[in-house]
Amino acid sequence: MNAYHKTMEKFWLGVAILSLVFAVYKMGQLGLSESLTYFLFPAIAGSLFYARYFIRKRAERESNNDQDQ
């Protein structure tokens, strides 16, 4: 299960980076005021990456505590 969580972390990090690059590209084409909604996607993907990362780290910490006892 840990491999699944790491894979999903990498997926969301990749989506965040690619969508940020696309948002910056659209900002260059359209200007900042017309491209603000494109910056919503990297924010959501980055939040999902952070949530996955935080949950995985907490589960690893709890798993290590269970093994130590």
C-alpha atoms as a PDB file:
ATOM      1  CA  MET A   1       0.000   0.000   0.000  1.00  0.00           C
ATOM      2  CA  ASN A   2       2.916   2.329   0.648  1.00  0.00           C
ATOM      3  CA  ALA A   3       3.968   2.124  -3.024  1.00  0.00           C
ATOM      4  CA  TYR A   4       0.460   3.226  -4.033  1.00  0.00           C
ATOM      5  CA  HIS A   5       0.653   6.287  -1.797  1.00  0.00           C
ATOM      6  CA  LYS A   6       4.080   7.258  -3.113  1.00  0.00           C
ATOM      7  CA  THR A   7       2.866   6.831  -6.698  1.00  0.00           C
ATOM      8  CA  MET A   8      -0.149   9.040  -6.073  1.00  0.00           C
ATOM      9  CA  GLU A   9       2.062  11.663  -4.440  1.00  0.00           C
ATOM     10  CA  LYS A  10       4.252  11.748  -7.530  1.00  0.00           C
ATOM     11  CA  PHE A  11       1.187  11.899  -9.764  1.00  0.00           C
ATOM     12  CA  TRP A  12      -0.275  14.935  -7.970  1.00  0.00           C
ATOM     13  CA  LEU A  13       3.107  16.647  -7.854  1.00  0.00           C
ATOM     14  CA  GLY A  14       3.453  16.116 -11.620  1.00  0.00           C
ATOM     15  CA  VAL A  15      -0.047  17.440 -12.266  1.00  0.00           C
ATOM     16  CA  ALA A  16       0.690  20.496 -10.111  1.00  0.00           C
ATOM     17  CA  ILE A  17       3.933  21.250 -11.947  1.00  0.00           C
ATOM     18  CA  LEU A  18       2.497  20.714 -15.427  1.00  0.00           C
ATOM     19  CA  SER A  19      -0.605  22.759 -14.709  1.00  0.00           C
ATOM     20  CA  LEU A  20       1.535  25.550 -13.240  1.00  0.00           C
ATOM     21  CA  VAL A  21       3.633  25.627 -16.404  1.00  0.00           C
ATOM     22  CA  PHE A  22       0.441  25.750 -18.482  1.00  0.00           C
ATOM     23  CA  ALA A  23      -1.003  28.522 -16.294  1.00  0.00           C
ATOM     24  CA  VAL A  24       2.146  30.622 -16.707  1.00  0.00           C
ATOM     25  CA  TYR A  25       2.010  30.019 -20.467  1.00  0.00           C
ATOM     26  CA  LYS A  26      -1.636  31.149 -20.587  1.00  0.00           C
ATOM     27  CA  MET A  27      -0.767  34.185 -18.479  1.00  0.00           C
ATOM     28  CA  GLY A  28       1.809  35.131 -21.103  1.00  0.00           C
ATOM     29  CA  GLN A  29      -0.840  34.821 -23.816  1.00  0.00           C
ATOM     30  CA  LEU A  30      -3.871  36.344 -22.123  1.00  0.00           C
ATOM     31  CA  GLY A  31      -2.527  38.495 -19.321  1.00  0.00           C
ATOM     32  CA  LEU A  32      -2.881  38.055 -15.597  1.00  0.00           C
ATOM     33  CA  SER A  33      -6.482  39.159 -15.150  1.00  0.00           C
ATOM     34  CA  GLU A  34      -7.855  36.756 -17.777  1.00  0.00           C
ATOM     35  CA  SER A  35      -5.774  33.759 -16.705  1.00  0.00           C
ATOM     36  CA  LEU A  36      -6.314  33.702 -12.950  1.00  0.00           C
ATOM     37  CA  THR A  37      -8.600  30.669 -13.124  1.00  0.00           C
ATOM     38  CA  TYR A  38      -5.769  28.629 -14.655  1.00  0.00           C
ATOM     39  CA  PHE A  39      -3.837  29.066 -11.405  1.00  0.00           C
ATOM     40  CA  LEU A  40      -6.628  27.345  -9.493  1.00  0.00           C
ATOM     41  CA  PHE A  41      -5.669  23.927 -10.913  1.00  0.00           C
ATOM     42  CA  PRO A  42      -2.060  23.884  -9.657  1.00  0.00           C
ATOM     43  CA  ALA A  43      -3.260  25.069  -6.251  1.00  0.00           C
ATOM     44  CA  ILE A  44      -5.726  22.186  -5.999  1.00  0.00           C
ATOM     45  CA  ALA A  45      -3.194  19.623  -7.250  1.00  0.00           C
ATOM     46  CA  GLY A  46      -0.564  20.982  -4.861  1.00  0.00           C
ATOM     47  CA  SER A  47      -3.020  20.705  -1.989  1.00  0.00           C
ATOM     48  CA  LEU A  48      -3.765  17.102  -2.902  1.00  0.00           C
ATOM     49  CA  PHE A  49      -0.035  16.358  -3.079  1.00  0.00           C
ATOM     50  CA  TYR A  50       0.512  17.863   0.357  1.00  0.00           C
ATOM     51  CA  ALA A  51      -2.450  15.982   1.835  1.00  0.00           C
ATOM     52  CA  ARG A  52      -1.163  12.661   0.440  1.00  0.00           C
ATOM     53  CA  TYR A  53       2.345  13.403   1.703  1.00  0.00           C
ATOM     54  CA  PHE A  54       1.151  14.363   5.185  1.00  0.00           C
ATOM     55  CA  ILE A  55      -1.112  11.321   5.512  1.00  0.00           C
ATOM     56  CA  ARG A  56       1.609   8.926   4.305  1.00  0.00           C
ATOM     57  CA  LYS A  57       4.190  10.351   6.690  1.00  0.00           C
ATOM     58  CA  ARG A  58       1.769  10.107   9.608  1.00  0.00           C
ATOM     59  CA  ALA A  59       0.922   6.495   8.720  1.00  0.00           C
ATOM     60  CA  GLU A  60       4.640   5.617   8.498  1.00  0.00           C
ATOM     61  CA  ARG A  61       5.284   7.243  11.858  1.00  0.00           C
ATOM     62  CA  GLU A  62       2.394   5.316  13.465  1.00  0.00           C
ATOM     63  CA  SER A  63       3.567   2.091  11.842  1.00  0.00           C
ATOM     64  CA  ASN A  64       7.077   2.588  13.220  1.00  0.00           C
ATOM     65  CA  ASN A  65       5.674   3.309  16.676  1.00  0.00           C
ATOM     66  CA  ASP A  66       3.620   0.092  16.562  1.00  0.00           C
ATOM     67  CA  GLN A  67       6.676  -1.938  15.577  1.00  0.00           C
ATOM     68  CA  ASP A  68       8.787  -0.445  18.357  1.00  0.00           C
ATOM     69  CA  GLN A  69       6.322  -1.404  21.057  1.00  0.00           C
END
